[in-house]
Amino acid sequence: MKQLTTTAARYFFAIPFAVFGIMHIFNADKMADSVPIPGGVFWIYFAGIAMIAAAISIISGKLVKYACFGLAALMFVFIVTLHIPGLMDPARMQMAMGGLLKDTSLMGASLLLAGMYDHQIKKI
């Protein structure tokens, strides 16, 4: 049971971020229009690479605390710049709400994992 709640849980959490990162890299041109700041494609690539790097970090168990803080910050940026403004547009409201709830949950889980790794580091 311990393996399920430690190693497997880390993999289940990290693998979707790797997939999201790959999707960002391969679909950057299609996603660039949704970036509300200049340099749209750059930010899509940046977010994709950041998600892949965080996934690798979490799976390998190296620098997990910092990777999770980075993911939480990235999710917060998505919430503030994409999902909350999307709630104001009736045509995008339903998708924005789904994204808002998903990224809020992922942000919370990232912070939880960062806190758990901080505790484990102090315990050793």
PDB file of N, CA and C in Angstrom:
ATOM      1  N   MET A   1       0.825  -1.207   0.000  1.00  0.00           N
ATOM      2  CA  MET A   1       0.000   0.000   0.000  1.00  0.00           C
ATOM      3  C   MET A   1       0.863   1.264   0.000  1.00  0.00           C
ATOM      4  N   LYS A   2       1.995   1.212   0.686  1.00  0.00           N
ATOM      5  CA  LYS A   2       2.889   2.368   0.754  1.00  0.00           C
ATOM      6  C   LYS A   2       3.384   2.750  -0.652  1.00  0.00           C
ATOM      7  N   GLN A   3       3.678   1.739  -1.498  1.00  0.00           N
ATOM      8  CA  GLN A   3       4.125   2.015  -2.866  1.00  0.00           C
ATOM      9  C   GLN A   3       3.052   2.764  -3.658  1.00  0.00           C
ATOM     10  N   LEU A   4       1.780   2.403  -3.440  1.00  0.00           N
ATOM     11  CA  LEU A   4       0.682   3.051  -4.146  1.00  0.00           C
ATOM     12  C   LEU A   4       0.568   4.521  -3.743  1.00  0.00           C
ATOM     13  N   THR A   5       0.744   4.803  -2.463  1.00  0.00           N
ATOM     14  CA  THR A   5       0.564   6.171  -1.978  1.00  0.00           C
ATOM     15  C   THR A   5       1.829   7.020  -2.075  1.00  0.00           C
ATOM     16  N   THR A   6       2.910   6.446  -2.511  1.00  0.00           N
ATOM     17  CA  THR A   6       4.134   7.240  -2.671  1.00  0.00           C
ATOM     18  C   THR A   6       4.591   7.225  -4.129  1.00  0.00           C
ATOM     19  N   THR A   7       5.221   6.163  -4.532  1.00  0.00           N
ATOM     20  CA  THR A   7       5.790   6.099  -5.878  1.00  0.00           C
ATOM     21  C   THR A   7       4.722   6.180  -6.966  1.00  0.00           C
ATOM     22  N   ALA A   8       3.728   5.332  -6.905  1.00  0.00           N
ATOM     23  CA  ALA A   8       2.686   5.330  -7.945  1.00  0.00           C
ATOM     24  C   ALA A   8       1.946   6.660  -7.967  1.00  0.00           C
ATOM     25  N   ALA A   9       1.665   7.217  -6.802  1.00  0.00           N
ATOM     26  CA  ALA A   9       0.963   8.506  -6.747  1.00  0.00           C
ATOM     27  C   ALA A   9       1.776   9.600  -7.422  1.00  0.00           C
ATOM     28  N   ARG A  10       3.088   9.604  -7.207  1.00  0.00           N
ATOM     29  CA  ARG A  10       3.946  10.593  -7.881  1.00  0.00           C
ATOM     30  C   ARG A  10       3.855  10.442  -9.391  1.00  0.00           C
ATOM     31  N   TYR A  11       3.868   9.207  -9.870  1.00  0.00           N
ATOM     32  CA  TYR A  11       3.778   8.965 -11.313  1.00  0.00           C
ATOM     33  C   TYR A  11       2.411   9.410 -11.850  1.00  0.00           C
ATOM     34  N   PHE A  12       1.340   9.054 -11.144  1.00  0.00           N
ATOM     35  CA  PHE A  12      -0.007   9.441 -11.586  1.00  0.00           C
ATOM     36  C   PHE A  12      -0.162  10.958 -11.637  1.00  0.00           C
ATOM     37  N   PHE A  13       0.502  11.655 -10.747  1.00  0.00           N
ATOM     38  CA  PHE A  13       0.444  13.115 -10.728  1.00  0.00           C
ATOM     39  C   PHE A  13       1.316  13.713 -11.826  1.00  0.00           C
ATOM     40  N   ALA A  14       2.494  13.158 -12.052  1.00  0.00           N
ATOM     41  CA  ALA A  14       3.464  13.750 -12.970  1.00  0.00           C
ATOM     42  C   ALA A  14       3.184  13.469 -14.451  1.00  0.00           C
ATOM     43  N   ILE A  15       2.741  12.287 -14.774  1.00  0.00           N
ATOM     44  CA  ILE A  15       2.579  11.906 -16.185  1.00  0.00           C
ATOM     45  C   ILE A  15       1.626  12.836 -16.937  1.00  0.00           C
ATOM     46  N   PRO A  16       0.469  13.223 -16.381  1.00  0.00           N
ATOM     47  CA  PRO A  16      -0.367  14.167 -17.130  1.00  0.00           C
ATOM     48  C   PRO A  16       0.329  15.501 -17.418  1.00  0.00           C
ATOM     49  N   PHE A  17       1.188  15.963 -16.503  1.00  0.00           N
ATOM     50  CA  PHE A  17       1.926  17.196 -16.780  1.00  0.00           C
ATOM     51  C   PHE A  17       2.880  17.007 -17.949  1.00  0.00           C
ATOM     52  N   ALA A  18       3.508  15.839 -18.036  1.00  0.00           N
ATOM     53  CA  ALA A  18       4.381  15.561 -19.183  1.00  0.00           C
ATOM     54  C   ALA A  18       3.565  15.578 -20.476  1.00  0.00           C
ATOM     55  N   VAL A  19       2.378  14.974 -20.438  1.00  0.00           N
ATOM     56  CA  VAL A  19       1.510  14.959 -21.625  1.00  0.00           C
ATOM     57  C   VAL A  19       1.049  16.376 -21.970  1.00  0.00           C
ATOM     58  N   PHE A  20       0.622  17.151 -20.955  1.00  0.00           N
ATOM     59  CA  PHE A  20       0.230  18.544 -21.206  1.00  0.00           C
ATOM     60  C   PHE A  20       1.394  19.321 -21.821  1.00  0.00           C
ATOM     61  N   GLY A  21       2.600  19.089 -21.310  1.00  0.00           N
ATOM     62  CA  GLY A  21       3.781  19.781 -21.839  1.00  0.00           C
ATOM     63  C   GLY A  21       4.042  19.433 -23.289  1.00  0.00           C
ATOM     64  N   ILE A  22       3.948  18.156 -23.611  1.00  0.00           N
ATOM     65  CA  ILE A  22       4.143  17.723 -25.003  1.00  0.00           C
ATOM     66  C   ILE A  22       3.065  18.329 -25.899  1.00  0.00           C
ATOM     67  N   MET A  23       1.832  18.356 -25.404  1.00  0.00           N
ATOM     68  CA  MET A  23       0.743  18.958 -26.183  1.00  0.00           C
ATOM     69  C   MET A  23       1.004  20.450 -26.424  1.00  0.00           C
ATOM     70  N   HIS A  24       1.533  21.138 -25.429  1.00  0.00           N
ATOM     71  CA  HIS A  24       1.861  22.558 -25.605  1.00  0.00           C
ATOM     72  C   HIS A  24       2.918  22.730 -26.698  1.00  0.00           C
ATOM     73  N   ILE A  25       3.937  21.898 -26.684  1.00  0.00           N
ATOM     74  CA  ILE A  25       5.022  22.033 -27.658  1.00  0.00           C
ATOM     75  C   ILE A  25       4.540  21.731 -29.072  1.00  0.00           C
ATOM     76  N   PHE A  26       3.753  20.664 -29.238  1.00  0.00           N
ATOM     77  CA  PHE A  26       3.324  20.286 -30.583  1.00  0.00           C
ATOM     78  C   PHE A  26       2.139  21.090 -31.109  1.00  0.00           C
ATOM     79  N   ASN A  27       1.430  21.795 -30.240  1.00  0.00           N
ATOM     80  CA  ASN A  27       0.280  22.591 -30.664  1.00  0.00           C
ATOM     81  C   ASN A  27       0.453  24.077 -30.359  1.00  0.00           C
ATOM     82  N   ALA A  28       1.683  24.526 -30.254  1.00  0.00           N
ATOM     83  CA  ALA A  28       1.957  25.912 -29.841  1.00  0.00           C
ATOM     84  C   ALA A  28       1.286  26.930 -30.758  1.00  0.00           C
ATOM     85  N   ASP A  29       1.326  26.714 -32.056  1.00  0.00           N
ATOM     86  CA  ASP A  29       0.732  27.684 -32.986  1.00  0.00           C
ATOM     87  C   ASP A  29      -0.775  27.810 -32.787  1.00  0.00           C
ATOM     88  N   LYS A  30      -1.436  26.696 -32.525  1.00  0.00           N
ATOM     89  CA  LYS A  30      -2.882  26.712 -32.312  1.00  0.00           C
ATOM     90  C   LYS A  30      -3.257  27.360 -30.982  1.00  0.00           C
ATOM     91  N   MET A  31      -2.381  27.222 -29.983  1.00  0.00           N
ATOM     92  CA  MET A  31      -2.671  27.735 -28.645  1.00  0.00           C
ATOM     93  C   MET A  31      -2.263  29.200 -28.469  1.00  0.00           C
ATOM     94  N   ALA A  32      -1.436  29.720 -29.338  1.00  0.00           N
ATOM     95  CA  ALA A  32      -0.859  31.054 -29.163  1.00  0.00           C
ATOM     96  C   ALA A  32      -1.907  32.162 -29.095  1.00  0.00           C
ATOM     97  N   ASP A  33      -3.030  31.997 -29.771  1.00  0.00           N
ATOM     98  CA  ASP A  33      -4.069  33.030 -29.763  1.00  0.00           C
ATOM     99  C   ASP A  33      -4.692  33.223 -28.382  1.00  0.00           C
ATOM    100  N   SER A  34      -4.613  32.218 -27.534  1.00  0.00           N
ATOM    101  CA  SER A  34      -5.231  32.331 -26.208  1.00  0.00           C
ATOM    102  C   SER A  34      -4.330  32.997 -25.175  1.00  0.00           C
ATOM    103  N   VAL A  35      -3.071  33.271 -25.535  1.00  0.00           N
ATOM    104  CA  VAL A  35      -2.140  33.910 -24.599  1.00  0.00           C
ATOM    105  C   VAL A  35      -2.402  35.416 -24.600  1.00  0.00           C
ATOM    106  N   PRO A  36      -2.750  35.972 -23.430  1.00  0.00           N
ATOM    107  CA  PRO A  36      -3.155  37.387 -23.382  1.00  0.00           C
ATOM    108  C   PRO A  36      -2.004  38.395 -23.301  1.00  0.00           C
ATOM    109  N   ILE A  37      -0.764  37.942 -23.443  1.00  0.00           N
ATOM    110  CA  ILE A  37       0.381  38.863 -23.390  1.00  0.00           C
ATOM    111  C   ILE A  37       1.226  38.687 -24.636  1.00  0.00           C
ATOM    112  N   PRO A  38       2.058  39.671 -24.970  1.00  0.00           N
ATOM    113  CA  PRO A  38       2.913  39.545 -26.163  1.00  0.00           C
ATOM    114  C   PRO A  38       3.857  38.341 -26.068  1.00  0.00           C
ATOM    115  N   GLY A  39       4.201  37.812 -27.226  1.00  0.00           N
ATOM    116  CA  GLY A  39       5.110  36.672 -27.283  1.00  0.00           C
ATOM    117  C   GLY A  39       4.403  35.355 -27.095  1.00  0.00           C
ATOM    118  N   GLY A  40       3.174  35.251 -27.577  1.00  0.00           N
ATOM    119  CA  GLY A  40       2.318  34.096 -27.340  1.00  0.00           C
ATOM    120  C   GLY A  40       2.972  32.742 -27.518  1.00  0.00           C
ATOM    121  N   VAL A  41       3.595  32.485 -28.660  1.00  0.00           N
ATOM    122  CA  VAL A  41       4.173  31.164 -28.931  1.00  0.00           C
ATOM    123  C   VAL A  41       5.316  30.874 -27.960  1.00  0.00           C
ATOM    124  N   PHE A  42       6.117  31.890 -27.655  1.00  0.00           N
ATOM    125  CA  PHE A  42       7.206  31.696 -26.687  1.00  0.00           C
ATOM    126  C   PHE A  42       6.655  31.185 -25.365  1.00  0.00           C
ATOM    127  N   TRP A  43       5.580  31.789 -24.851  1.00  0.00           N
ATOM    128  CA  TRP A  43       5.021  31.405 -23.560  1.00  0.00           C
ATOM    129  C   TRP A  43       4.416  30.013 -23.591  1.00  0.00           C
ATOM    130  N   ILE A  44       3.897  29.612 -24.740  1.00  0.00           N
ATOM    131  CA  ILE A  44       3.363  28.248 -24.874  1.00  0.00           C
ATOM    132  C   ILE A  44       4.513  27.250 -24.772  1.00  0.00           C
ATOM    133  N   TYR A  45       5.605  27.505 -25.500  1.00  0.00           N
ATOM    134  CA  TYR A  45       6.771  26.628 -25.414  1.00  0.00           C
ATOM    135  C   TYR A  45       7.347  26.618 -24.000  1.00  0.00           C
ATOM    136  N   PHE A  46       7.448  27.788 -23.387  1.00  0.00           N
ATOM    137  CA  PHE A  46       7.976  27.904 -22.027  1.00  0.00           C
ATOM    138  C   PHE A  46       7.157  27.058 -21.059  1.00  0.00           C
ATOM    139  N   ALA A  47       5.834  27.194 -21.120  1.00  0.00           N
ATOM    140  CA  ALA A  47       4.960  26.424 -20.228  1.00  0.00           C
ATOM    141  C   ALA A  47       5.100  24.931 -20.497  1.00  0.00           C
ATOM    142  N   GLY A  48       5.184  24.545 -21.768  1.00  0.00           N
ATOM    143  CA  GLY A  48       5.334  23.127 -22.105  1.00  0.00           C
ATOM    144  C   GLY A  48       6.622  22.541 -21.565  1.00  0.00           C
ATOM    145  N   ILE A  49       7.718  23.250 -21.759  1.00  0.00           N
ATOM    146  CA  ILE A  49       9.007  22.774 -21.257  1.00  0.00           C
ATOM    147  C   ILE A  49       9.002  22.732 -19.731  1.00  0.00           C
ATOM    148  N   ALA A  50       8.390  23.742 -19.101  1.00  0.00           N
ATOM    149  CA  ALA A  50       8.319  23.769 -17.637  1.00  0.00           C
ATOM    150  C   ALA A  50       7.532  22.574 -17.114  1.00  0.00           C
ATOM    151  N   MET A  51       6.431  22.228 -17.762  1.00  0.00           N
ATOM    152  CA  MET A  51       5.634  21.092 -17.306  1.00  0.00           C
ATOM    153  C   MET A  51       6.376  19.775 -17.484  1.00  0.00           C
ATOM    154  N   ILE A  52       7.084  19.630 -18.595  1.00  0.00           N
ATOM    155  CA  ILE A  52       7.865  18.410 -18.818  1.00  0.00           C
ATOM    156  C   ILE A  52       8.992  18.307 -17.793  1.00  0.00           C
ATOM    157  N   ALA A  53       9.693  19.410 -17.551  1.00  0.00           N
ATOM    158  CA  ALA A  53      10.780  19.405 -16.568  1.00  0.00           C
ATOM    159  C   ALA A  53      10.259  19.072 -15.171  1.00  0.00           C
ATOM    160  N   ALA A  54       9.115  19.630 -14.809  1.00  0.00           N
ATOM    161  CA  ALA A  54       8.532  19.337 -13.497  1.00  0.00           C
ATOM    162  C   ALA A  54       8.144  17.865 -13.394  1.00  0.00           C
ATOM    163  N   ALA A  55       7.579  17.318 -14.452  1.00  0.00           N
ATOM    164  CA  ALA A  55       7.195  15.900 -14.446  1.00  0.00           C
ATOM    165  C   ALA A  55       8.421  15.015 -14.255  1.00  0.00           C
ATOM    166  N   ILE A  56       9.491  15.332 -14.951  1.00  0.00           N
ATOM    167  CA  ILE A  56      10.731  14.559 -14.809  1.00  0.00           C
ATOM    168  C   ILE A  56      11.253  14.667 -13.379  1.00  0.00           C
ATOM    169  N   SER A  57      11.209  15.855 -12.829  1.00  0.00           N
ATOM    170  CA  SER A  57      11.665  16.074 -11.460  1.00  0.00           C
ATOM    171  C   SER A  57      10.850  15.263 -10.462  1.00  0.00           C
ATOM    172  N   ILE A  58       9.540  15.293 -10.610  1.00  0.00           N
ATOM    173  CA  ILE A  58       8.660  14.572  -9.683  1.00  0.00           C
ATOM    174  C   ILE A  58       8.863  13.068  -9.805  1.00  0.00           C
ATOM    175  N   ILE A  59       8.971  12.558 -11.013  1.00  0.00           N
ATOM    176  CA  ILE A  59       9.170  11.123 -11.213  1.00  0.00           C
ATOM    177  C   ILE A  59      10.524  10.677 -10.670  1.00  0.00           C
ATOM    178  N   SER A  60      11.544  11.487 -10.899  1.00  0.00           N
ATOM    179  CA  SER A  60      12.889  11.109 -10.443  1.00  0.00           C
ATOM    180  C   SER A  60      13.085  11.330  -8.948  1.00  0.00           C
ATOM    181  N   GLY A  61      12.213  12.138  -8.344  1.00  0.00           N
ATOM    182  CA  GLY A  61      12.349  12.432  -6.926  1.00  0.00           C
ATOM    183  C   GLY A  61      13.396  13.487  -6.629  1.00  0.00           C
ATOM    184  N   LYS A  62      13.863  14.197  -7.632  1.00  0.00           N
ATOM    185  CA  LYS A  62      14.889  15.235  -7.480  1.00  0.00           C
ATOM    186  C   LYS A  62      14.252  16.614  -7.566  1.00  0.00           C
ATOM    187  N   LEU A  63      14.530  17.458  -6.614  1.00  0.00           N
ATOM    188  CA  LEU A  63      14.043  18.840  -6.584  1.00  0.00           C
ATOM    189  C   LEU A  63      12.519  18.920  -6.666  1.00  0.00           C
ATOM    190  N   VAL A  64      11.835  17.960  -6.079  1.00  0.00           N
ATOM    191  CA  VAL A  64      10.383  17.871  -6.169  1.00  0.00           C
ATOM    192  C   VAL A  64       9.712  19.100  -5.563  1.00  0.00           C
ATOM    193  N   LYS A  65      10.202  19.542  -4.424  1.00  0.00           N
ATOM    194  CA  LYS A  65       9.611  20.706  -3.754  1.00  0.00           C
ATOM    195  C   LYS A  65       9.596  21.911  -4.688  1.00  0.00           C
ATOM    196  N   TYR A  66      10.711  22.175  -5.343  1.00  0.00           N
ATOM    197  CA  TYR A  66      10.806  23.347  -6.225  1.00  0.00           C
ATOM    198  C   TYR A  66       9.988  23.160  -7.501  1.00  0.00           C
ATOM    199  N   ALA A  67       9.977  21.954  -8.036  1.00  0.00           N
ATOM    200  CA  ALA A  67       9.164  21.674  -9.224  1.00  0.00           C
ATOM    201  C   ALA A  67       7.691  21.887  -8.922  1.00  0.00           C
ATOM    202  N   CYS A  68       7.255  21.452  -7.749  1.00  0.00           N
ATOM    203  CA  CYS A  68       5.844  21.593  -7.380  1.00  0.00           C
ATOM    204  C   CYS A  68       5.468  23.041  -7.113  1.00  0.00           C
ATOM    205  N   PHE A  69       6.381  23.815  -6.508  1.00  0.00           N
ATOM    206  CA  PHE A  69       6.112  25.244  -6.348  1.00  0.00           C
ATOM    207  C   PHE A  69       6.004  25.910  -7.724  1.00  0.00           C
ATOM    208  N   GLY A  70       6.854  25.509  -8.661  1.00  0.00           N
ATOM    209  CA  GLY A  70       6.784  26.044 -10.018  1.00  0.00           C
ATOM    210  C   GLY A  70       5.479  25.686 -10.703  1.00  0.00           C
ATOM    211  N   LEU A  71       5.035  24.432 -10.549  1.00  0.00           N
ATOM    212  CA  LEU A  71       3.754  24.027 -11.134  1.00  0.00           C
ATOM    213  C   LEU A  71       2.597  24.804 -10.519  1.00  0.00           C
ATOM    214  N   ALA A  72       2.634  24.998  -9.209  1.00  0.00           N
ATOM    215  CA  ALA A  72       1.568  25.762  -8.542  1.00  0.00           C
ATOM    216  C   ALA A  72       1.526  27.189  -9.087  1.00  0.00           C
ATOM    217  N   ALA A  73       2.686  27.791  -9.286  1.00  0.00           N
ATOM    218  CA  ALA A  73       2.741  29.148  -9.837  1.00  0.00           C
ATOM    219  C   ALA A  73       2.200  29.166 -11.263  1.00  0.00           C
ATOM    220  N   LEU A  74       2.561  28.169 -12.052  1.00  0.00           N
ATOM    221  CA  LEU A  74       2.078  28.090 -13.431  1.00  0.00           C
ATOM    222  C   LEU A  74       0.558  27.930 -13.469  1.00  0.00           C
ATOM    223  N   MET A  75       0.019  27.077 -12.599  1.00  0.00           N
ATOM    224  CA  MET A  75      -1.431  26.897 -12.534  1.00  0.00           C
ATOM    225  C   MET A  75      -2.118  28.201 -12.115  1.00  0.00           C
ATOM    226  N   PHE A  76      -1.515  28.935 -11.191  1.00  0.00           N
ATOM    227  CA  PHE A  76      -2.074  30.216 -10.764  1.00  0.00           C
ATOM    228  C   PHE A  76      -2.117  31.204 -11.940  1.00  0.00           C
ATOM    229  N   VAL A  77      -1.055  31.239 -12.718  1.00  0.00           N
ATOM    230  CA  VAL A  77      -1.027  32.117 -13.897  1.00  0.00           C
ATOM    231  C   VAL A  77      -2.124  31.717 -14.879  1.00  0.00           C
ATOM    232  N   PHE A  78      -2.303  30.417 -15.115  1.00  0.00           N
ATOM    233  CA  PHE A  78      -3.370  29.952 -16.007  1.00  0.00           C
ATOM    234  C   PHE A  78      -4.739  30.379 -15.491  1.00  0.00           C
ATOM    235  N   ILE A  79      -4.941  30.239 -14.186  1.00  0.00           N
ATOM    236  CA  ILE A  79      -6.229  30.596 -13.579  1.00  0.00           C
ATOM    237  C   ILE A  79      -6.523  32.077 -13.773  1.00  0.00           C
ATOM    238  N   VAL A  80      -5.537  32.915 -13.465  1.00  0.00           N
ATOM    239  CA  VAL A  80      -5.742  34.368 -13.501  1.00  0.00           C
ATOM    240  C   VAL A  80      -5.819  34.922 -14.920  1.00  0.00           C
ATOM    241  N   THR A  81      -5.005  34.397 -15.823  1.00  0.00           N
ATOM    242  CA  THR A  81      -4.940  34.987 -17.167  1.00  0.00           C
ATOM    243  C   THR A  81      -5.856  34.329 -18.191  1.00  0.00           C
ATOM    244  N   LEU A  82      -6.228  33.078 -17.975  1.00  0.00           N
ATOM    245  CA  LEU A  82      -7.050  32.373 -18.963  1.00  0.00           C
ATOM    246  C   LEU A  82      -8.457  32.046 -18.461  1.00  0.00           C
ATOM    247  N   HIS A  83      -8.537  31.411 -17.310  1.00  0.00           N
ATOM    248  CA  HIS A  83      -9.825  30.878 -16.873  1.00  0.00           C
ATOM    249  C   HIS A  83     -10.765  31.937 -16.301  1.00  0.00           C
ATOM    250  N   ILE A  84     -10.260  32.808 -15.457  1.00  0.00           N
ATOM    251  CA  ILE A  84     -11.143  33.847 -14.895  1.00  0.00           C
ATOM    252  C   ILE A  84     -11.651  34.778 -15.993  1.00  0.00           C
ATOM    253  N   PRO A  85     -10.777  35.280 -16.893  1.00  0.00           N
ATOM    254  CA  PRO A  85     -11.334  36.082 -18.000  1.00  0.00           C
ATOM    255  C   PRO A  85     -12.302  35.286 -18.883  1.00  0.00           C
ATOM    256  N   GLY A  86     -12.052  33.977 -19.032  1.00  0.00           N
ATOM    257  CA  GLY A  86     -12.942  33.142 -19.830  1.00  0.00           C
ATOM    258  C   GLY A  86     -14.338  33.029 -19.241  1.00  0.00           C
ATOM    259  N   LEU A  87     -14.439  33.177 -17.925  1.00  0.00           N
ATOM    260  CA  LEU A  87     -15.759  33.126 -17.281  1.00  0.00           C
ATOM    261  C   LEU A  87     -16.643  34.302 -17.679  1.00  0.00           C
ATOM    262  N   MET A  88     -16.035  35.388 -18.140  1.00  0.00           N
ATOM    263  CA  MET A  88     -16.787  36.584 -18.530  1.00  0.00           C
ATOM    264  C   MET A  88     -17.360  36.477 -19.939  1.00  0.00           C
ATOM    265  N   ASP A  89     -16.910  35.501 -20.707  1.00  0.00           N
ATOM    266  CA  ASP A  89     -17.358  35.313 -22.083  1.00  0.00           C
ATOM    267  C   ASP A  89     -18.353  34.153 -22.123  1.00  0.00           C
ATOM    268  N   PRO A  90     -19.635  34.437 -22.401  1.00  0.00           N
ATOM    269  CA  PRO A  90     -20.644  33.358 -22.397  1.00  0.00           C
ATOM    270  C   PRO A  90     -20.297  32.194 -23.328  1.00  0.00           C
ATOM    271  N   ALA A  91     -19.590  32.461 -24.424  1.00  0.00           N
ATOM    272  CA  ALA A  91     -19.244  31.404 -25.373  1.00  0.00           C
ATOM    273  C   ALA A  91     -18.172  30.468 -24.810  1.00  0.00           C
ATOM    274  N   ARG A  92     -17.354  30.955 -23.876  1.00  0.00           N
ATOM    275  CA  ARG A  92     -16.257  30.147 -23.308  1.00  0.00           C
ATOM    276  C   ARG A  92     -16.485  29.773 -21.850  1.00  0.00           C
ATOM    277  N   MET A  93     -17.592  30.196 -21.279  1.00  0.00           N
ATOM    278  CA  MET A  93     -17.809  30.054 -19.841  1.00  0.00           C
ATOM    279  C   MET A  93     -17.701  28.603 -19.345  1.00  0.00           C
ATOM    280  N   GLN A  94     -18.320  27.677 -20.033  1.00  0.00           N
ATOM    281  CA  GLN A  94     -18.323  26.288 -19.584  1.00  0.00           C
ATOM    282  C   GLN A  94     -16.909  25.697 -19.611  1.00  0.00           C
ATOM    283  N   MET A  95     -16.177  25.923 -20.685  1.00  0.00           N
ATOM    284  CA  MET A  95     -14.799  25.425 -20.772  1.00  0.00           C
ATOM    285  C   MET A  95     -13.911  26.111 -19.742  1.00  0.00           C
ATOM    286  N   ALA A  96     -14.130  27.406 -19.539  1.00  0.00           N
ATOM    287  CA  ALA A  96     -13.330  28.148 -18.569  1.00  0.00           C
ATOM    288  C   ALA A  96     -13.557  27.625 -17.158  1.00  0.00           C
ATOM    289  N   MET A  97     -14.784  27.293 -16.824  1.00  0.00           N
ATOM    290  CA  MET A  97     -15.082  26.771 -15.490  1.00  0.00           C
ATOM    291  C   MET A  97     -14.404  25.415 -15.288  1.00  0.00           C
ATOM    292  N   GLY A  98     -14.454  24.560 -16.287  1.00  0.00           N
ATOM    293  CA  GLY A  98     -13.767  23.266 -16.198  1.00  0.00           C
ATOM    294  C   GLY A  98     -12.271  23.439 -16.020  1.00  0.00           C
ATOM    295  N   GLY A  99     -11.684  24.338 -16.803  1.00  0.00           N
ATOM    296  CA  GLY A  99     -10.254  24.615 -16.677  1.00  0.00           C
ATOM    297  C   GLY A  99      -9.904  25.226 -15.332  1.00  0.00           C
ATOM    298  N   LEU A 100     -10.765  26.126 -14.859  1.00  0.00           N
ATOM    299  CA  LEU A 100     -10.548  26.767 -13.563  1.00  0.00           C
ATOM    300  C   LEU A 100     -10.527  25.730 -12.443  1.00  0.00           C
ATOM    301  N   LEU A 101     -11.507  24.839 -12.434  1.00  0.00           N
ATOM    302  CA  LEU A 101     -11.575  23.815 -11.393  1.00  0.00           C
ATOM    303  C   LEU A 101     -10.404  22.827 -11.491  1.00  0.00           C
ATOM    304  N   LYS A 102     -10.054  22.428 -12.712  1.00  0.00           N
ATOM    305  CA  LYS A 102      -8.930  21.501 -12.907  1.00  0.00           C
ATOM    306  C   LYS A 102      -7.636  22.119 -12.427  1.00  0.00           C
ATOM    307  N   ASP A 103      -7.363  23.339 -12.855  1.00  0.00           N
ATOM    308  CA  ASP A 103      -6.090  23.963 -12.495  1.00  0.00           C
ATOM    309  C   ASP A 103      -6.037  24.363 -11.025  1.00  0.00           C
ATOM    310  N   THR A 104      -7.183  24.690 -10.425  1.00  0.00           N
ATOM    311  CA  THR A 104      -7.205  24.953  -8.986  1.00  0.00           C
ATOM    312  C   THR A 104      -6.861  23.677  -8.227  1.00  0.00           C
ATOM    313  N   SER A 105      -7.408  22.560  -8.650  1.00  0.00           N
ATOM    314  CA  SER A 105      -7.113  21.280  -8.020  1.00  0.00           C
ATOM    315  C   SER A 105      -5.645  20.906  -8.193  1.00  0.00           C
ATOM    316  N   LEU A 106      -5.111  21.089  -9.398  1.00  0.00           N
ATOM    317  CA  LEU A 106      -3.708  20.777  -9.646  1.00  0.00           C
ATOM    318  C   LEU A 106      -2.784  21.703  -8.850  1.00  0.00           C
ATOM    319  N   MET A 107      -3.169  22.961  -8.703  1.00  0.00           N
ATOM    320  CA  MET A 107      -2.378  23.893  -7.908  1.00  0.00           C
ATOM    321  C   MET A 107      -2.352  23.430  -6.451  1.00  0.00           C
ATOM    322  N   GLY A 108      -3.510  23.042  -5.917  1.00  0.00           N
ATOM    323  CA  GLY A 108      -3.569  22.555  -4.544  1.00  0.00           C
ATOM    324  C   GLY A 108      -2.742  21.290  -4.350  1.00  0.00           C
ATOM    325  N   ALA A 109      -2.830  20.362  -5.282  1.00  0.00           N
ATOM    326  CA  ALA A 109      -2.052  19.126  -5.181  1.00  0.00           C
ATOM    327  C   ALA A 109      -0.557  19.405  -5.285  1.00  0.00           C
ATOM    328  N   SER A 110      -0.185  20.351  -6.118  1.00  0.00           N
ATOM    329  CA  SER A 110       1.229  20.727  -6.235  1.00  0.00           C
ATOM    330  C   SER A 110       1.749  21.284  -4.920  1.00  0.00           C
ATOM    331  N   LEU A 111       0.970  22.150  -4.300  1.00  0.00           N
ATOM    332  CA  LEU A 111       1.374  22.721  -3.016  1.00  0.00           C
ATOM    333  C   LEU A 111       1.430  21.643  -1.928  1.00  0.00           C
ATOM    334  N   LEU A 112       0.484  20.727  -1.963  1.00  0.00           N
ATOM    335  CA  LEU A 112       0.476  19.633  -0.998  1.00  0.00           C
ATOM    336  C   LEU A 112       1.734  18.776  -1.142  1.00  0.00           C
ATOM    337  N   LEU A 113       2.072  18.412  -2.370  1.00  0.00           N
ATOM    338  CA  LEU A 113       3.262  17.598  -2.604  1.00  0.00           C
ATOM    339  C   LEU A 113       4.529  18.359  -2.218  1.00  0.00           C
ATOM    340  N   ALA A 114       4.578  19.649  -2.522  1.00  0.00           N
ATOM    341  CA  ALA A 114       5.735  20.462  -2.121  1.00  0.00           C
ATOM    342  C   ALA A 114       5.876  20.466  -0.606  1.00  0.00           C
ATOM    343  N   GLY A 115       4.774  20.603   0.085  1.00  0.00           N
ATOM    344  CA  GLY A 115       4.800  20.585   1.544  1.00  0.00           C
ATOM    345  C   GLY A 115       5.219  19.239   2.099  1.00  0.00           C
ATOM    346  N   MET A 116       4.786  18.171   1.463  1.00  0.00           N
ATOM    347  CA  MET A 116       5.167  16.835   1.912  1.00  0.00           C
ATOM    348  C   MET A 116       6.663  16.609   1.719  1.00  0.00           C
ATOM    349  N   TYR A 117       7.202  17.078   0.623  1.00  0.00           N
ATOM    350  CA  TYR A 117       8.631  16.910   0.380  1.00  0.00           C
ATOM    351  C   TYR A 117       9.454  17.789   1.314  1.00  0.00           C
ATOM    352  N   ASP A 118       8.941  18.952   1.655  1.00  0.00           N
ATOM    353  CA  ASP A 118       9.627  19.813   2.614  1.00  0.00           C
ATOM    354  C   ASP A 118       9.690  19.110   3.968  1.00  0.00           C
ATOM    355  N   HIS A 119       8.601  18.496   4.359  1.00  0.00           N
ATOM    356  CA  HIS A 119       8.551  17.767   5.632  1.00  0.00           C
ATOM    357  C   HIS A 119       9.499  16.577   5.621  1.00  0.00           C
ATOM    358  N   GLN A 120       9.526  15.837   4.503  1.00  0.00           N
ATOM    359  CA  GLN A 120      10.407  14.687   4.405  1.00  0.00           C
ATOM    360  C   GLN A 120      11.871  15.088   4.455  1.00  0.00           C
ATOM    361  N   ILE A 121      12.219  16.215   3.843  1.00  0.00           N
ATOM    362  CA  ILE A 121      13.596  16.676   3.847  1.00  0.00           C
ATOM    363  C   ILE A 121      14.027  17.027   5.269  1.00  0.00           C
ATOM    364  N   LYS A 122      13.171  17.705   6.004  1.00  0.00           N
ATOM    365  CA  LYS A 122      13.499  18.083   7.381  1.00  0.00           C
ATOM    366  C   LYS A 122      13.590  16.868   8.291  1.00  0.00           C
ATOM    367  N   LYS A 123      12.827  15.837   7.975  1.00  0.00           N
ATOM    368  CA  LYS A 123      12.773  14.639   8.809  1.00  0.00           C
ATOM    369  C   LYS A 123      14.063  13.821   8.689  1.00  0.00           C
ATOM    370  N   ILE A 124      14.696  13.873   7.527  1.00  0.00           N
ATOM    371  CA  ILE A 124      15.891  13.053   7.268  1.00  0.00           C
ATOM    372  C   ILE A 124      17.078  13.563   8.035  1.00  0.00           C
TER     373      ILE A 124
END
